[in-house]
Amino acid sequence: MTGATGNVGRNVVDLLLRAGVEVRATSRNPDALDLPAEVDVRRADLTEPETFAQAFQGVEKIFLYNQPAGIDGVLSAAKAAGVRYVVLLSSLAAAGRDPDHWIARWHLAVEHAIERSGLQWTFVRPGAFAVNSLLWAPDIKQGRPVRLHYAQSYLSSIHERDIAEVSTCALLQEGHAGARYHLSGGDSITQAEQVALIGKAIGRELEIEDVTGDDVRAELSERFAPRLRELIREGVISPSDPPGIIETRVRYYLEALDGPAEIDGTVERVLGKPARTFAEWAVDHRADFTN
């Protein structure tokens, strides 16, 4: 397991333990991991492939968090240790219409490296994460209107538990090799409707503020500035890319005003049950929106 404490990875750990599987988790700072005692925790860093030589010993399958830096070395260490299967947490951006967008490039770089490695693989490609809605929690807790970028734009946000269950099936069951699983949520609703469902889950009506146009551009530029500077330092994007990245995000919002997003049936095909709805996610996370 890499990314074992992330929103998806932590759920995968729990599901594997429940299935009676031995789990080893890696981290660049293992002492900081808060995981069940039965998890074997080792130090390893995806940007330092040599640290995985000991972590992969005795491992048959890996759940891999997406990190292009050092990926070829990590995969070489996996093959040398006898690993035979990789389940990659990728992104629906890898299958999108903008293959040159930095998010698509980031994920495709790892997918292509795995394809070249000779290992068996499954790529799990979720779209919008429902958990991203936690960005609204501070406003909701303080009783302020929730500022939404294009409030009437549609999303099919997926519950992190569904991503984890699909990933766990790929790890434990036969028949998933070579699959690229495109995952969406169980419904397609507007952001305004998502806020209303959170309000219903916590028992109070919530206000929204619909932010559009240049105000969206300004807020996105401020919000993404630290991450974009980091990506420039890492060489993932060039200094001239940020304005185009912001414009692409605005374009996605505008296109999503036209109607419901497509609901992909992959979750139901893999798990034998429908994907969870946003209403279910809101109930599961109501404690995150209350003081």
C-alpha atoms as a PDB file:
ATOM      1  CA  MET A   1       0.000   0.000   0.000  1.00  0.00           C
ATOM      2  CA  THR A   2       1.146   3.476  -0.910  1.00  0.00           C
ATOM      3  CA  GLY A   3      -1.025   6.438   0.057  1.00  0.00           C
ATOM      4  CA  ALA A   4      -2.431   4.311   2.888  1.00  0.00           C
ATOM      5  CA  THR A   5      -3.746   7.254   4.891  1.00  0.00           C
ATOM      6  CA  GLY A   6      -5.405   9.042   1.966  1.00  0.00           C
ATOM      7  CA  ASN A   7      -9.154   9.223   1.523  1.00  0.00           C
ATOM      8  CA  VAL A   8      -9.136   6.158  -0.735  1.00  0.00           C
ATOM      9  CA  GLY A   9      -6.089   4.322   0.584  1.00  0.00           C
ATOM     10  CA  ARG A  10      -7.264   4.276   4.188  1.00  0.00           C
ATOM     11  CA  ASN A  11     -10.498   2.632   3.095  1.00  0.00           C
ATOM     12  CA  VAL A  12      -8.563   0.067   1.032  1.00  0.00           C
ATOM     13  CA  VAL A  13      -6.513  -0.815   4.125  1.00  0.00           C
ATOM     14  CA  ASP A  14      -9.667  -1.420   6.150  1.00  0.00           C
ATOM     15  CA  LEU A  15     -11.259  -3.539   3.433  1.00  0.00           C
ATOM     16  CA  LEU A  16      -8.146  -5.682   2.995  1.00  0.00           C
ATOM     17  CA  LEU A  17      -7.838  -6.264   6.733  1.00  0.00           C
ATOM     18  CA  ARG A  18     -11.504  -7.209   6.897  1.00  0.00           C
ATOM     19  CA  ALA A  19     -10.830  -9.778   4.159  1.00  0.00           C
ATOM     20  CA  GLY A  20      -8.053 -11.287   6.245  1.00  0.00           C
ATOM     21  CA  VAL A  21      -5.233 -10.116   3.978  1.00  0.00           C
ATOM     22  CA  GLU A  22      -1.781  -9.209   5.275  1.00  0.00           C
ATOM     23  CA  VAL A  23      -1.158  -5.533   4.569  1.00  0.00           C
ATOM     24  CA  ARG A  24       2.106  -3.611   4.355  1.00  0.00           C
ATOM     25  CA  ALA A  25       1.975   0.176   4.117  1.00  0.00           C
ATOM     26  CA  THR A  26       4.765   2.524   3.117  1.00  0.00           C
ATOM     27  CA  SER A  27       5.415   6.143   3.955  1.00  0.00           C
ATOM     28  CA  ARG A  28       8.305   8.567   3.828  1.00  0.00           C
ATOM     29  CA  ASN A  29       7.502   9.210   7.514  1.00  0.00           C
ATOM     30  CA  PRO A  30       6.172   5.907   8.909  1.00  0.00           C
ATOM     31  CA  ASP A  31       6.104   7.093  12.528  1.00  0.00           C
ATOM     32  CA  ALA A  32       3.400   9.587  11.566  1.00  0.00           C
ATOM     33  CA  LEU A  33       1.012   6.955  10.145  1.00  0.00           C
ATOM     34  CA  ASP A  34      -2.144   6.270  12.132  1.00  0.00           C
ATOM     35  CA  LEU A  35      -3.000   2.728  11.026  1.00  0.00           C
ATOM     36  CA  PRO A  36      -4.256  -0.434  12.746  1.00  0.00           C
ATOM     37  CA  ALA A  37      -1.565  -2.317  14.673  1.00  0.00           C
ATOM     38  CA  GLU A  38      -1.724  -5.323  12.354  1.00  0.00           C
ATOM     39  CA  VAL A  39      -0.488  -3.250   9.388  1.00  0.00           C
ATOM     40  CA  ASP A  40       3.227  -3.733   8.667  1.00  0.00           C
ATOM     41  CA  VAL A  41       4.556  -0.196   8.165  1.00  0.00           C
ATOM     42  CA  ARG A  42       7.837   0.421   6.315  1.00  0.00           C
ATOM     43  CA  ARG A  43       9.674   3.543   5.269  1.00  0.00           C
ATOM     44  CA  ALA A  44       9.685   4.110   1.507  1.00  0.00           C
ATOM     45  CA  ASP A  45       9.395   7.192  -0.674  1.00  0.00           C
ATOM     46  CA  LEU A  46       8.017   7.119  -4.227  1.00  0.00           C
ATOM     47  CA  THR A  47      10.556   9.772  -5.237  1.00  0.00           C
ATOM     48  CA  GLU A  48      13.393   7.553  -3.920  1.00  0.00           C
ATOM     49  CA  PRO A  49      12.881   4.178  -5.673  1.00  0.00           C
ATOM     50  CA  GLU A  50      15.800   2.523  -3.862  1.00  0.00           C
ATOM     51  CA  THR A  51      13.856   2.742  -0.586  1.00  0.00           C
ATOM     52  CA  PHE A  52      11.345   0.183  -1.922  1.00  0.00           C
ATOM     53  CA  ALA A  53      13.799  -2.714  -2.244  1.00  0.00           C
ATOM     54  CA  GLN A  54      13.050  -3.988   1.256  1.00  0.00           C
ATOM     55  CA  ALA A  55       9.434  -2.823   1.343  1.00  0.00           C
ATOM     56  CA  PHE A  56       8.492  -5.013  -1.643  1.00  0.00           C
ATOM     57  CA  GLN A  57      10.017  -8.225  -0.282  1.00  0.00           C
ATOM     58  CA  GLY A  58       7.294 -10.871   0.015  1.00  0.00           C
ATOM     59  CA  VAL A  59       4.660  -8.652  -1.617  1.00  0.00           C
ATOM     60  CA  GLU A  60       2.461 -10.038  -4.412  1.00  0.00           C
ATOM     61  CA  LYS A  61       0.309  -7.026  -5.272  1.00  0.00           C
ATOM     62  CA  ILE A  62       0.563  -3.287  -4.727  1.00  0.00           C
ATOM     63  CA  PHE A  63      -1.935  -0.466  -4.507  1.00  0.00           C
ATOM     64  CA  LEU A  64      -0.095   2.467  -6.015  1.00  0.00           C
ATOM     65  CA  TYR A  65      -0.733   6.145  -5.462  1.00  0.00           C
ATOM     66  CA  ASN A  66       0.064   8.203  -8.541  1.00  0.00           C
ATOM     67  CA  GLN A  67       3.522   9.820  -8.451  1.00  0.00           C
ATOM     68  CA  PRO A  68       5.498  10.085 -11.717  1.00  0.00           C
ATOM     69  CA  ALA A  69       8.824  10.962 -10.099  1.00  0.00           C
ATOM     70  CA  GLY A  70      10.866   7.792  -9.842  1.00  0.00           C
ATOM     71  CA  ILE A  71       8.099   5.542 -11.155  1.00  0.00           C
ATOM     72  CA  ASP A  72      10.365   3.457 -13.409  1.00  0.00           C
ATOM     73  CA  GLY A  73      12.677   2.729 -10.491  1.00  0.00           C
ATOM     74  CA  VAL A  74       9.770   1.828  -8.230  1.00  0.00           C
ATOM     75  CA  LEU A  75       8.422  -0.613 -10.815  1.00  0.00           C
ATOM     76  CA  SER A  76      11.852  -2.139 -11.354  1.00  0.00           C
ATOM     77  CA  ALA A  77      12.164  -2.700  -7.613  1.00  0.00           C
ATOM     78  CA  ALA A  78       8.707  -4.287  -7.604  1.00  0.00           C
ATOM     79  CA  LYS A  79       9.581  -6.719 -10.398  1.00  0.00           C
ATOM     80  CA  ALA A  80      12.910  -7.612  -8.770  1.00  0.00           C
ATOM     81  CA  ALA A  81      11.086  -8.451  -5.528  1.00  0.00           C
ATOM     82  CA  GLY A  82       8.524 -10.671  -7.275  1.00  0.00           C
ATOM     83  CA  VAL A  83       5.536  -8.336  -7.306  1.00  0.00           C
ATOM     84  CA  ARG A  84       3.211  -9.364 -10.110  1.00  0.00           C
ATOM     85  CA  TYR A  85       0.219  -6.994 -10.005  1.00  0.00           C
ATOM     86  CA  VAL A  86      -0.374  -3.257  -9.643  1.00  0.00           C
ATOM     87  CA  VAL A  87      -3.654  -1.485  -8.948  1.00  0.00           C
ATOM     88  CA  LEU A  88      -3.134   2.193  -9.731  1.00  0.00           C
ATOM     89  CA  LEU A  89      -5.263   5.000  -8.352  1.00  0.00           C
ATOM     90  CA  SER A  90      -5.315   7.141 -11.484  1.00  0.00           C
ATOM     91  CA  SER A  91      -7.822   9.744 -12.679  1.00  0.00           C
ATOM     92  CA  LEU A  92     -10.568  10.099 -15.251  1.00  0.00           C
ATOM     93  CA  ALA A  93      -8.475  12.970 -16.613  1.00  0.00           C
ATOM     94  CA  ALA A  94      -6.259  10.288 -18.177  1.00  0.00           C
ATOM     95  CA  ALA A  95      -9.165   9.416 -20.468  1.00  0.00           C
ATOM     96  CA  GLY A  96     -10.245  13.014 -21.031  1.00  0.00           C
ATOM     97  CA  ARG A  97     -10.332  15.213 -24.074  1.00  0.00           C
ATOM     98  CA  ASP A  98      -7.355  17.284 -22.878  1.00  0.00           C
ATOM     99  CA  PRO A  99      -4.413  14.832 -22.869  1.00  0.00           C
ATOM    100  CA  ASP A 100      -1.973  17.752 -22.658  1.00  0.00           C
ATOM    101  CA  HIS A 101      -3.526  19.104 -19.446  1.00  0.00           C
ATOM    102  CA  TRP A 102      -1.056  18.685 -16.583  1.00  0.00           C
ATOM    103  CA  ILE A 103      -3.394  16.410 -14.587  1.00  0.00           C
ATOM    104  CA  ALA A 104      -3.795  14.099 -17.579  1.00  0.00           C
ATOM    105  CA  ARG A 105      -0.038  14.147 -18.252  1.00  0.00           C
ATOM    106  CA  TRP A 106       0.681  13.395 -14.584  1.00  0.00           C
ATOM    107  CA  HIS A 107      -1.512  10.297 -14.518  1.00  0.00           C
ATOM    108  CA  LEU A 108      -0.727   9.074 -18.029  1.00  0.00           C
ATOM    109  CA  ALA A 109       3.002   9.137 -17.275  1.00  0.00           C
ATOM    110  CA  VAL A 110       2.476   6.551 -14.532  1.00  0.00           C
ATOM    111  CA  GLU A 111      -0.038   4.497 -16.527  1.00  0.00           C
ATOM    112  CA  HIS A 112       2.357   4.268 -19.475  1.00  0.00           C
ATOM    113  CA  ALA A 113       5.253   3.282 -17.210  1.00  0.00           C
ATOM    114  CA  ILE A 114       3.176   0.459 -15.716  1.00  0.00           C
ATOM    115  CA  GLU A 115       2.142  -0.730 -19.167  1.00  0.00           C
ATOM    116  CA  ARG A 116       5.822  -0.869 -20.165  1.00  0.00           C
ATOM    117  CA  SER A 117       6.854  -2.684 -16.985  1.00  0.00           C
ATOM    118  CA  GLY A 118       5.460  -6.087 -17.887  1.00  0.00           C
ATOM    119  CA  LEU A 119       3.502  -6.268 -14.627  1.00  0.00           C
ATOM    120  CA  GLN A 120      -0.216  -7.015 -14.665  1.00  0.00           C
ATOM    121  CA  TRP A 121      -2.301  -3.991 -13.843  1.00  0.00           C
ATOM    122  CA  THR A 122      -5.684  -2.380 -13.249  1.00  0.00           C
ATOM    123  CA  PHE A 123      -6.156   1.385 -13.599  1.00  0.00           C
ATOM    124  CA  VAL A 124      -8.858   2.880 -11.371  1.00  0.00           C
ATOM    125  CA  ARG A 125      -9.887   6.223 -12.864  1.00  0.00           C
ATOM    126  CA  PRO A 126     -12.361   8.132 -10.691  1.00  0.00           C
ATOM    127  CA  GLY A 127     -13.864  11.428 -11.717  1.00  0.00           C
ATOM    128  CA  ALA A 128     -14.868  14.125  -9.228  1.00  0.00           C
ATOM    129  CA  PHE A 129     -14.355  13.081  -5.598  1.00  0.00           C
ATOM    130  CA  ALA A 130     -17.298  13.806  -3.315  1.00  0.00           C
ATOM    131  CA  VAL A 131     -14.782  14.405  -0.535  1.00  0.00           C
ATOM    132  CA  ASN A 132     -13.664  17.585  -2.329  1.00  0.00           C
ATOM    133  CA  SER A 133     -16.863  19.089  -0.937  1.00  0.00           C
ATOM    134  CA  LEU A 134     -15.130  19.281   2.445  1.00  0.00           C
ATOM    135  CA  LEU A 135     -13.773  22.591   1.127  1.00  0.00           C
ATOM    136  CA  TRP A 136     -17.188  23.977   2.036  1.00  0.00           C
ATOM    137  CA  ALA A 137     -16.982  22.845   5.662  1.00  0.00           C
ATOM    138  CA  PRO A 138     -15.495  26.047   7.153  1.00  0.00           C
ATOM    139  CA  ASP A 139     -18.271  28.218   5.716  1.00  0.00           C
ATOM    140  CA  ILE A 140     -20.956  25.755   6.771  1.00  0.00           C
ATOM    141  CA  LYS A 141     -19.598  25.463  10.312  1.00  0.00           C
ATOM    142  CA  GLN A 142     -19.463  29.254  10.652  1.00  0.00           C
ATOM    143  CA  GLY A 143     -22.965  29.757   9.255  1.00  0.00           C
ATOM    144  CA  ARG A 144     -21.711  31.654   6.218  1.00  0.00           C
ATOM    145  CA  PRO A 145     -23.104  31.269   2.683  1.00  0.00           C
ATOM    146  CA  VAL A 146     -21.197  28.648   0.726  1.00  0.00           C
ATOM    147  CA  ARG A 147     -19.377  30.241  -2.202  1.00  0.00           C
ATOM    148  CA  LEU A 148     -19.874  27.996  -5.222  1.00  0.00           C
ATOM    149  CA  HIS A 149     -18.139  28.387  -8.555  1.00  0.00           C
ATOM    150  CA  TYR A 150     -21.015  28.177 -11.030  1.00  0.00           C
ATOM    151  CA  ALA A 151     -23.522  26.796  -8.540  1.00  0.00           C
ATOM    152  CA  GLN A 152     -25.762  25.298 -11.216  1.00  0.00           C
ATOM    153  CA  SER A 153     -22.993  23.241 -12.830  1.00  0.00           C
ATOM    154  CA  TYR A 154     -23.481  19.479 -12.625  1.00  0.00           C
ATOM    155  CA  LEU A 155     -21.218  16.883 -11.056  1.00  0.00           C
ATOM    156  CA  SER A 156     -21.363  13.136 -10.637  1.00  0.00           C
ATOM    157  CA  SER A 157     -19.231  13.003  -7.505  1.00  0.00           C
ATOM    158  CA  ILE A 158     -18.032   9.615  -6.339  1.00  0.00           C
ATOM    159  CA  HIS A 159     -17.861   8.391  -2.748  1.00  0.00           C
ATOM    160  CA  GLU A 160     -14.296   7.477  -1.767  1.00  0.00           C
ATOM    161  CA  ARG A 161     -15.615   4.194  -0.375  1.00  0.00           C
ATOM    162  CA  ASP A 162     -16.774   3.128  -3.845  1.00  0.00           C
ATOM    163  CA  ILE A 163     -13.326   3.858  -5.273  1.00  0.00           C
ATOM    164  CA  ALA A 164     -11.781   1.797  -2.482  1.00  0.00           C
ATOM    165  CA  GLU A 165     -14.171  -1.118  -2.990  1.00  0.00           C
ATOM    166  CA  VAL A 166     -13.466  -1.272  -6.731  1.00  0.00           C
ATOM    167  CA  SER A 167      -9.725  -1.104  -6.005  1.00  0.00           C
ATOM    168  CA  THR A 168     -10.006  -3.868  -3.415  1.00  0.00           C
ATOM    169  CA  CYS A 169     -11.911  -6.093  -5.832  1.00  0.00           C
ATOM    170  CA  ALA A 170      -9.114  -5.625  -8.362  1.00  0.00           C
ATOM    171  CA  LEU A 171      -6.568  -6.602  -5.713  1.00  0.00           C
ATOM    172  CA  LEU A 172      -8.382  -9.673  -4.410  1.00  0.00           C
ATOM    173  CA  GLN A 173     -10.346 -11.085  -7.339  1.00  0.00           C
ATOM    174  CA  GLU A 174      -9.421 -12.500 -10.710  1.00  0.00           C
ATOM    175  CA  GLY A 175     -10.605 -10.988 -13.970  1.00  0.00           C
ATOM    176  CA  HIS A 176      -9.560  -7.356 -13.584  1.00  0.00           C
ATOM    177  CA  ALA A 177      -6.190  -7.432 -15.349  1.00  0.00           C
ATOM    178  CA  GLY A 178      -5.895  -4.835 -18.109  1.00  0.00           C
ATOM    179  CA  ALA A 179      -9.048  -2.984 -17.052  1.00  0.00           C
ATOM    180  CA  ARG A 180      -9.309   0.785 -17.089  1.00  0.00           C
ATOM    181  CA  TYR A 181     -12.197   1.473 -14.731  1.00  0.00           C
ATOM    182  CA  HIS A 182     -13.849   4.855 -15.248  1.00  0.00           C
ATOM    183  CA  LEU A 183     -15.768   5.652 -12.073  1.00  0.00           C
ATOM    184  CA  SER A 184     -18.566   8.148 -11.465  1.00  0.00           C
ATOM    185  CA  GLY A 185     -20.971   8.663  -8.606  1.00  0.00           C
ATOM    186  CA  GLY A 186     -24.486   7.323  -8.282  1.00  0.00           C
ATOM    187  CA  ASP A 187     -26.197  10.530  -9.362  1.00  0.00           C
ATOM    188  CA  SER A 188     -25.569  13.747 -11.280  1.00  0.00           C
ATOM    189  CA  ILE A 189     -26.716  16.903  -9.500  1.00  0.00           C
ATOM    190  CA  THR A 190     -25.724  20.540  -9.333  1.00  0.00           C
ATOM    191  CA  GLN A 191     -23.333  21.911  -6.766  1.00  0.00           C
ATOM    192  CA  ALA A 192     -26.229  23.870  -5.285  1.00  0.00           C
ATOM    193  CA  GLU A 193     -28.135  20.615  -4.831  1.00  0.00           C
ATOM    194  CA  GLN A 194     -25.091  19.063  -3.181  1.00  0.00           C
ATOM    195  CA  VAL A 195     -25.014  21.851  -0.608  1.00  0.00           C
ATOM    196  CA  ALA A 196     -28.739  21.357   0.011  1.00  0.00           C
ATOM    197  CA  LEU A 197     -28.130  17.649   0.667  1.00  0.00           C
ATOM    198  CA  ILE A 198     -25.394  18.460   3.166  1.00  0.00           C
ATOM    199  CA  GLY A 199     -27.849  20.803   4.870  1.00  0.00           C
ATOM    200  CA  LYS A 200     -30.426  18.034   5.013  1.00  0.00           C
ATOM    201  CA  ALA A 201     -27.853  15.658   6.504  1.00  0.00           C
ATOM    202  CA  ILE A 202     -26.942  18.087   9.299  1.00  0.00           C
ATOM    203  CA  GLY A 203     -30.488  19.299   9.861  1.00  0.00           C
ATOM    204  CA  ARG A 204     -30.391  22.916   8.744  1.00  0.00           C
ATOM    205  CA  GLU A 205     -30.947  24.940   5.602  1.00  0.00           C
ATOM    206  CA  LEU A 206     -27.778  26.300   4.034  1.00  0.00           C
ATOM    207  CA  GLU A 207     -27.283  29.417   1.954  1.00  0.00           C
ATOM    208  CA  ILE A 208     -25.161  29.607  -1.166  1.00  0.00           C
ATOM    209  CA  GLU A 209     -23.481  32.363  -3.135  1.00  0.00           C
ATOM    210  CA  ASP A 210     -23.148  31.762  -6.867  1.00  0.00           C
ATOM    211  CA  VAL A 211     -19.729  32.972  -8.037  1.00  0.00           C
ATOM    212  CA  THR A 212     -19.123  33.335 -11.785  1.00  0.00           C
ATOM    213  CA  GLY A 213     -16.848  34.897 -14.396  1.00  0.00           C
ATOM    214  CA  ASP A 214     -13.740  36.803 -13.372  1.00  0.00           C
ATOM    215  CA  ASP A 215     -14.508  36.292  -9.686  1.00  0.00           C
ATOM    216  CA  VAL A 216     -14.066  32.556 -10.249  1.00  0.00           C
ATOM    217  CA  ARG A 217     -10.779  33.144 -12.063  1.00  0.00           C
ATOM    218  CA  ALA A 218      -9.484  35.280  -9.215  1.00  0.00           C
ATOM    219  CA  GLU A 219     -10.472  32.767  -6.527  1.00  0.00           C
ATOM    220  CA  LEU A 220      -9.042  29.809  -8.447  1.00  0.00           C
ATOM    221  CA  SER A 221      -5.781  31.677  -9.014  1.00  0.00           C
ATOM    222  CA  GLU A 222      -5.472  32.378  -5.292  1.00  0.00           C
ATOM    223  CA  ARG A 223      -6.503  28.868  -4.220  1.00  0.00           C
ATOM    224  CA  PHE A 224      -4.240  27.036  -6.654  1.00  0.00           C
ATOM    225  CA  ALA A 225      -1.243  29.370  -6.426  1.00  0.00           C
ATOM    226  CA  PRO A 226       0.767  27.306  -3.883  1.00  0.00           C
ATOM    227  CA  ARG A 227       0.168  24.050  -5.756  1.00  0.00           C
ATOM    228  CA  LEU A 228       0.971  25.598  -9.135  1.00  0.00           C
ATOM    229  CA  ARG A 229       4.246  27.024  -7.777  1.00  0.00           C
ATOM    230  CA  GLU A 230       5.111  23.546  -6.502  1.00  0.00           C
ATOM    231  CA  LEU A 231       4.356  21.982  -9.887  1.00  0.00           C
ATOM    232  CA  ILE A 232       6.537  24.568 -11.602  1.00  0.00           C
ATOM    233  CA  ARG A 233       9.428  23.748  -9.233  1.00  0.00           C
ATOM    234  CA  GLU A 234       8.950  20.029  -9.956  1.00  0.00           C
ATOM    235  CA  GLY A 235       8.967  20.649 -13.715  1.00  0.00           C
ATOM    236  CA  VAL A 236       5.451  19.245 -14.169  1.00  0.00           C
ATOM    237  CA  ILE A 237       4.221  22.499 -15.689  1.00  0.00           C
ATOM    238  CA  SER A 238       5.977  25.550 -17.097  1.00  0.00           C
ATOM    239  CA  PRO A 239       5.741  29.083 -15.655  1.00  0.00           C
ATOM    240  CA  SER A 240       3.494  30.037 -18.589  1.00  0.00           C
ATOM    241  CA  ASP A 241       0.915  27.297 -17.886  1.00  0.00           C
ATOM    242  CA  PRO A 242      -1.125  28.612 -14.886  1.00  0.00           C
ATOM    243  CA  PRO A 243      -3.431  31.000 -16.826  1.00  0.00           C
ATOM    244  CA  GLY A 244      -4.361  28.188 -19.229  1.00  0.00           C
ATOM    245  CA  ILE A 245      -4.973  25.804 -16.317  1.00  0.00           C
ATOM    246  CA  ILE A 246      -7.371  28.297 -14.741  1.00  0.00           C
ATOM    247  CA  GLU A 247      -9.173  28.864 -18.051  1.00  0.00           C
ATOM    248  CA  THR A 248      -9.570  25.109 -18.556  1.00  0.00           C
ATOM    249  CA  ARG A 249     -11.197  24.822 -15.141  1.00  0.00           C
ATOM    250  CA  VAL A 250     -13.594  27.663 -15.938  1.00  0.00           C
ATOM    251  CA  ARG A 251     -14.452  26.021 -19.254  1.00  0.00           C
ATOM    252  CA  TYR A 252     -15.312  22.772 -17.463  1.00  0.00           C
ATOM    253  CA  TYR A 253     -17.699  24.676 -15.189  1.00  0.00           C
ATOM    254  CA  LEU A 254     -19.380  26.363 -18.146  1.00  0.00           C
ATOM    255  CA  GLU A 255     -19.793  23.095 -20.037  1.00  0.00           C
ATOM    256  CA  ALA A 256     -21.239  21.455 -16.912  1.00  0.00           C
ATOM    257  CA  LEU A 257     -24.077  24.006 -16.874  1.00  0.00           C
ATOM    258  CA  ASP A 258     -25.619  22.331 -19.917  1.00  0.00           C
ATOM    259  CA  GLY A 259     -27.073  19.317 -18.135  1.00  0.00           C
ATOM    260  CA  PRO A 260     -26.451  16.284 -15.960  1.00  0.00           C
ATOM    261  CA  ALA A 261     -23.039  14.650 -16.142  1.00  0.00           C
ATOM    262  CA  GLU A 262     -22.874  11.126 -17.498  1.00  0.00           C
ATOM    263  CA  ILE A 263     -23.244   8.411 -14.883  1.00  0.00           C
ATOM    264  CA  ASP A 264     -20.881   5.556 -15.618  1.00  0.00           C
ATOM    265  CA  GLY A 265     -22.101   2.099 -14.589  1.00  0.00           C
ATOM    266  CA  THR A 266     -18.659   0.669 -13.814  1.00  0.00           C
ATOM    267  CA  VAL A 267     -19.105   0.667 -10.038  1.00  0.00           C
ATOM    268  CA  GLU A 268     -22.266  -1.408 -10.327  1.00  0.00           C
ATOM    269  CA  ARG A 269     -20.705  -3.775 -12.867  1.00  0.00           C
ATOM    270  CA  VAL A 270     -17.698  -4.416 -10.639  1.00  0.00           C
ATOM    271  CA  LEU A 271     -19.379  -4.442  -7.225  1.00  0.00           C
ATOM    272  CA  GLY A 272     -22.823  -5.731  -8.144  1.00  0.00           C
ATOM    273  CA  LYS A 273     -24.484  -2.719  -6.514  1.00  0.00           C
ATOM    274  CA  PRO A 274     -25.100   0.882  -7.580  1.00  0.00           C
ATOM    275  CA  ALA A 275     -22.609   3.601  -6.787  1.00  0.00           C
ATOM    276  CA  ARG A 276     -23.435   5.566  -3.664  1.00  0.00           C
ATOM    277  CA  THR A 277     -25.270   8.856  -4.135  1.00  0.00           C
ATOM    278  CA  PHE A 278     -24.118  12.236  -2.908  1.00  0.00           C
ATOM    279  CA  ALA A 279     -26.902  12.158  -0.331  1.00  0.00           C
ATOM    280  CA  GLU A 280     -25.333   9.006   1.134  1.00  0.00           C
ATOM    281  CA  TRP A 281     -21.919  10.656   1.172  1.00  0.00           C
ATOM    282  CA  ALA A 282     -23.359  13.695   2.977  1.00  0.00           C
ATOM    283  CA  VAL A 283     -24.869  11.498   5.696  1.00  0.00           C
ATOM    284  CA  ASP A 284     -21.593   9.601   6.085  1.00  0.00           C
ATOM    285  CA  HIS A 285     -19.697  12.891   6.506  1.00  0.00           C
ATOM    286  CA  ARG A 286     -22.154  14.996   8.453  1.00  0.00           C
ATOM    287  CA  ALA A 287     -19.744  15.194  11.410  1.00  0.00           C
ATOM    288  CA  ASP A 288     -17.281  17.006   9.148  1.00  0.00           C
ATOM    289  CA  PHE A 289     -19.759  19.861   8.684  1.00  0.00           C
ATOM    290  CA  THR A 290     -20.725  20.392  12.308  1.00  0.00           C
ATOM    291  CA  ASN A 291     -18.800  21.997  15.157  1.00  0.00           C
END
